Amino acid sequence: MIPASYGVALATFENLRNAASAAAEMIRSASRFSGTEATVKDNTQAVQTIAKSFACEAFESARNEEQMDALWSARRQAYWASLAVRDKGTQVWSTDVAVPLSRLADLIEICQKRASKLGIFNSIIGHVGDGNFHQIMMYNPDIPEQKQAVTSCVNRMVDDAIAMGGTVSGEHGIGLGKKELDRPTLGVMKALKDTLDPQ
């Protein structure tokens, strides 16, 4: 069934901790931006109240399709906007992890502070409803120390996520890039596959 009405809102915060804490609370509140017009209006107000409780600096809700598209555009373009500011010749390392919502703000803050100490451009982007976020770091491949520092930063991010009850990836999957980070899980998957489909 297609909902009768939709809503989109954008909240800005002074820091990532407040933003992540507010987002986690919004998810826990089960407020939805779809349903009847009255439901969307009520839930938008509920989300705005939550945002304000975490020191939201600005809150904007869309009133029509054009405004909804404009607000969503900011999220859809976040990754590409990060790439647009990179210096020529830099490499991009984009990685993700996921943690329980109760630990989301903690891990985002830790990762942001750690990456900021590297002296390179980094950003955090999230669709955090499932505790998942991405960190983008840009480094100069001609400076081995930078690549090593970024690699260490990513490995610590993964270790912290696991220590907080999370996982090494919320969506990127465990392919070539992260298979070394969760060999026990891959072993279980291979054993299941071999049992069900030995060919």
Protein backbone atom coordinates (compact mmCIF):
# COMPACT_ATOMS: atom_id res chain seq x y z
CA MET A 1 0.00 0.00 0.00
CA ILE A 2 1.37 3.40 -0.95
CA PRO A 3 1.20 5.91 1.91
CA ALA A 4 -1.07 8.90 1.37
CA SER A 5 1.56 11.34 2.53
CA TYR A 6 5.33 11.60 2.96
CA GLY A 7 7.59 13.95 4.82
CA VAL A 8 11.27 14.87 4.85
CA ALA A 9 13.13 16.98 7.39
CA LEU A 10 16.67 18.23 7.80
CA ALA A 11 18.21 18.97 11.19
CA THR A 12 21.64 20.48 11.75
CA PHE A 13 23.71 20.13 14.89
CA GLU A 14 26.82 21.69 16.35
CA ASN A 15 28.65 18.36 16.51
CA LEU A 16 28.47 14.76 15.40
CA ARG A 17 27.74 13.40 18.87
CA ASN A 18 24.54 15.42 19.14
CA ALA A 19 23.52 14.52 15.59
CA ALA A 20 24.11 10.79 16.12
CA SER A 21 22.42 10.79 19.53
CA ALA A 22 19.38 12.57 18.10
CA ALA A 23 19.21 10.19 15.14
CA ALA A 24 19.34 7.14 17.42
CA GLU A 25 16.57 8.58 19.60
CA MET A 26 14.45 9.34 16.54
CA ILE A 27 14.75 5.72 15.42
CA ARG A 28 13.85 4.47 18.90
CA SER A 29 10.77 6.72 18.88
CA ALA A 30 9.52 4.86 15.77
CA SER A 31 8.46 8.15 14.19
CA ARG A 32 7.70 7.68 10.51
CA PHE A 33 7.63 10.18 7.70
CA SER A 34 4.92 8.34 5.79
CA GLY A 35 1.26 7.60 6.39
CA THR A 36 -1.70 9.90 6.64
CA GLU A 37 -1.14 13.62 6.43
CA ALA A 38 -1.94 13.96 10.15
CA THR A 39 0.50 11.16 11.07
CA VAL A 40 3.31 12.76 9.07
CA LYS A 41 2.62 16.15 10.67
CA ASP A 42 2.53 14.69 14.20
CA ASN A 43 5.68 12.63 13.68
CA THR A 44 7.53 15.56 12.15
CA GLN A 45 6.74 17.57 15.28
CA ALA A 46 7.87 14.65 17.47
CA VAL A 47 11.16 14.40 15.59
CA GLN A 48 11.67 18.16 15.84
CA THR A 49 11.17 17.94 19.62
CA ILE A 50 13.77 15.18 19.81
CA ALA A 51 16.18 17.20 17.66
CA LYS A 52 15.77 20.24 19.90
CA SER A 53 16.49 18.11 22.98
CA PHE A 54 19.93 17.42 21.45
CA ALA A 55 20.67 21.12 20.78
CA CYS A 56 19.55 21.16 17.17
CA GLU A 57 20.69 24.41 15.55
CA ALA A 58 18.16 24.37 12.70
CA PHE A 59 15.24 22.18 11.66
CA GLU A 60 13.58 22.38 8.28
CA SER A 61 10.70 20.21 7.13
CA ALA A 62 9.57 19.96 3.53
CA ARG A 63 6.12 21.20 2.64
CA ASN A 64 5.91 19.82 -0.91
CA GLU A 65 7.59 17.41 -3.36
CA GLU A 66 10.07 20.01 -4.60
CA GLN A 67 11.25 20.76 -1.06
CA MET A 68 11.45 17.03 -0.26
CA ASP A 69 13.67 16.47 -3.29
CA ALA A 70 15.88 19.41 -2.30
CA LEU A 71 16.33 18.13 1.27
CA TRP A 72 17.01 14.55 0.12
CA SER A 73 19.47 15.88 -2.42
CA ALA A 74 21.82 16.90 0.39
CA ARG A 75 22.02 13.29 1.61
CA ARG A 76 22.21 11.79 -1.87
CA GLN A 77 25.07 14.10 -2.81
CA ALA A 78 27.05 13.88 0.46
CA TYR A 79 29.58 11.35 -0.83
CA TRP A 80 30.09 13.20 -4.11
CA ALA A 81 30.42 16.52 -2.28
CA SER A 82 33.22 14.99 -0.21
CA LEU A 83 34.99 13.86 -3.37
CA ALA A 84 34.63 17.30 -4.93
CA VAL A 85 36.86 18.89 -2.29
CA ARG A 86 39.69 16.39 -2.51
CA ASP A 87 43.11 17.42 -3.70
CA LYS A 88 44.32 16.14 -7.04
CA GLY A 89 46.14 12.83 -6.70
CA THR A 90 44.62 11.85 -3.38
CA GLN A 91 43.13 8.42 -2.86
CA VAL A 92 39.77 7.91 -1.18
CA TRP A 93 39.22 5.23 1.44
CA SER A 94 35.55 4.81 2.23
CA THR A 95 34.62 2.24 4.82
CA ASP A 96 31.67 1.45 7.02
CA VAL A 97 30.82 -0.32 10.26
CA ALA A 98 27.62 -0.81 12.23
CA VAL A 99 26.97 -0.80 15.97
CA PRO A 100 23.91 -0.96 18.21
CA LEU A 101 22.10 2.40 18.22
CA SER A 102 23.01 2.83 21.89
CA ARG A 103 26.71 3.02 20.89
CA LEU A 104 26.38 4.91 17.61
CA ALA A 105 27.22 8.38 18.96
CA ASP A 106 30.19 6.98 20.92
CA LEU A 107 31.77 5.32 17.91
CA ILE A 108 31.12 8.19 15.51
CA GLU A 109 32.76 10.60 17.94
CA ILE A 110 35.77 8.32 18.46
CA CYS A 111 36.26 7.80 14.72
CA GLN A 112 35.89 11.48 13.89
CA LYS A 113 38.40 12.53 16.55
CA ARG A 114 40.86 9.83 15.52
CA ALA A 115 40.72 10.72 11.82
CA SER A 116 40.95 14.44 12.56
CA LYS A 117 44.34 13.85 14.18
CA LEU A 118 45.71 12.51 10.88
CA GLY A 119 45.73 15.93 9.23
CA ILE A 120 43.79 14.71 6.19
CA PHE A 121 40.31 15.43 4.91
CA ASN A 122 37.73 13.07 6.35
CA SER A 123 33.98 13.01 6.64
CA ILE A 124 31.32 10.82 8.16
CA ILE A 125 28.12 10.03 6.32
CA GLY A 126 25.35 7.92 7.72
CA HIS A 127 21.97 6.45 7.13
CA VAL A 128 22.13 5.53 10.75
CA GLY A 129 18.76 3.89 11.31
CA ASP A 130 20.51 0.54 11.57
CA GLY A 131 23.58 1.86 13.38
CA ASN A 132 25.55 2.02 10.12
CA PHE A 133 27.80 4.87 9.07
CA HIS A 134 30.58 5.48 6.57
CA GLN A 135 33.86 7.25 7.09
CA ILE A 136 35.62 8.76 4.10
CA MET A 137 39.32 9.55 4.36
CA MET A 138 41.49 11.07 1.65
CA TYR A 139 45.22 10.50 1.67
CA ASN A 140 48.23 10.98 -0.56
CA PRO A 141 49.39 7.56 -1.82
CA ASP A 142 52.88 8.98 -2.38
CA ILE A 143 53.25 9.46 1.37
CA PRO A 144 53.50 5.93 2.83
CA GLU A 145 52.98 7.23 6.37
CA GLN A 146 49.58 8.63 5.39
CA LYS A 147 48.38 5.35 3.92
CA GLN A 148 49.63 3.47 6.97
CA ALA A 149 47.88 5.94 9.28
CA VAL A 150 44.60 5.59 7.37
CA THR A 151 44.90 1.79 7.38
CA SER A 152 45.48 1.85 11.14
CA CYS A 153 42.54 4.21 11.60
CA VAL A 154 40.23 1.87 9.65
CA ASN A 155 41.44 -1.20 11.57
CA ARG A 156 40.84 0.56 14.89
CA MET A 157 37.37 1.63 13.71
CA VAL A 158 36.55 -2.03 13.01
CA ASP A 159 38.01 -3.20 16.33
CA ASP A 160 36.01 -0.55 18.20
CA ALA A 161 32.80 -1.53 16.39
CA ILE A 162 33.26 -5.18 17.34
CA ALA A 163 34.10 -4.23 20.95
CA MET A 164 30.83 -2.26 21.08
CA GLY A 165 28.79 -5.25 19.93
CA GLY A 166 28.76 -4.23 16.28
CA THR A 167 30.02 -5.63 13.02
CA VAL A 168 32.83 -4.91 10.57
CA SER A 169 30.39 -3.75 7.89
CA GLY A 170 26.80 -2.66 7.79
CA GLU A 171 26.37 -2.87 4.05
CA HIS A 172 29.57 -2.98 2.05
CA GLY A 173 29.79 -6.71 2.53
CA ILE A 174 32.81 -8.80 3.29
CA GLY A 175 34.58 -9.06 -0.01
CA LEU A 176 38.16 -8.42 -0.94
CA GLY A 177 38.32 -5.30 1.20
CA LYS A 178 37.39 -6.74 4.58
CA LYS A 179 37.61 -10.51 4.43
CA GLU A 180 40.67 -10.52 6.69
CA LEU A 181 38.68 -8.72 9.38
CA ASP A 182 36.13 -11.44 10.06
CA ARG A 183 37.62 -14.80 9.15
CA PRO A 184 35.57 -16.74 11.75
CA THR A 185 32.27 -15.60 10.21
CA LEU A 186 33.53 -16.36 6.72
CA GLY A 187 34.56 -19.82 7.95
CA VAL A 188 31.02 -20.49 9.18
CA MET A 189 29.59 -19.27 5.88
CA LYS A 190 31.94 -21.52 3.91
CA ALA A 191 31.10 -24.53 6.09
CA LEU A 192 27.37 -23.92 5.54
CA LYS A 193 27.89 -23.52 1.81
CA ASP A 194 29.98 -26.71 1.62
CA THR A 195 27.31 -28.61 3.57
CA LEU A 196 24.41 -27.38 1.45
CA ASP A 197 26.19 -27.15 -1.90
CA PRO A 198 29.51 -29.01 -2.02
CA GLN A 199 29.89 -28.26 -5.76
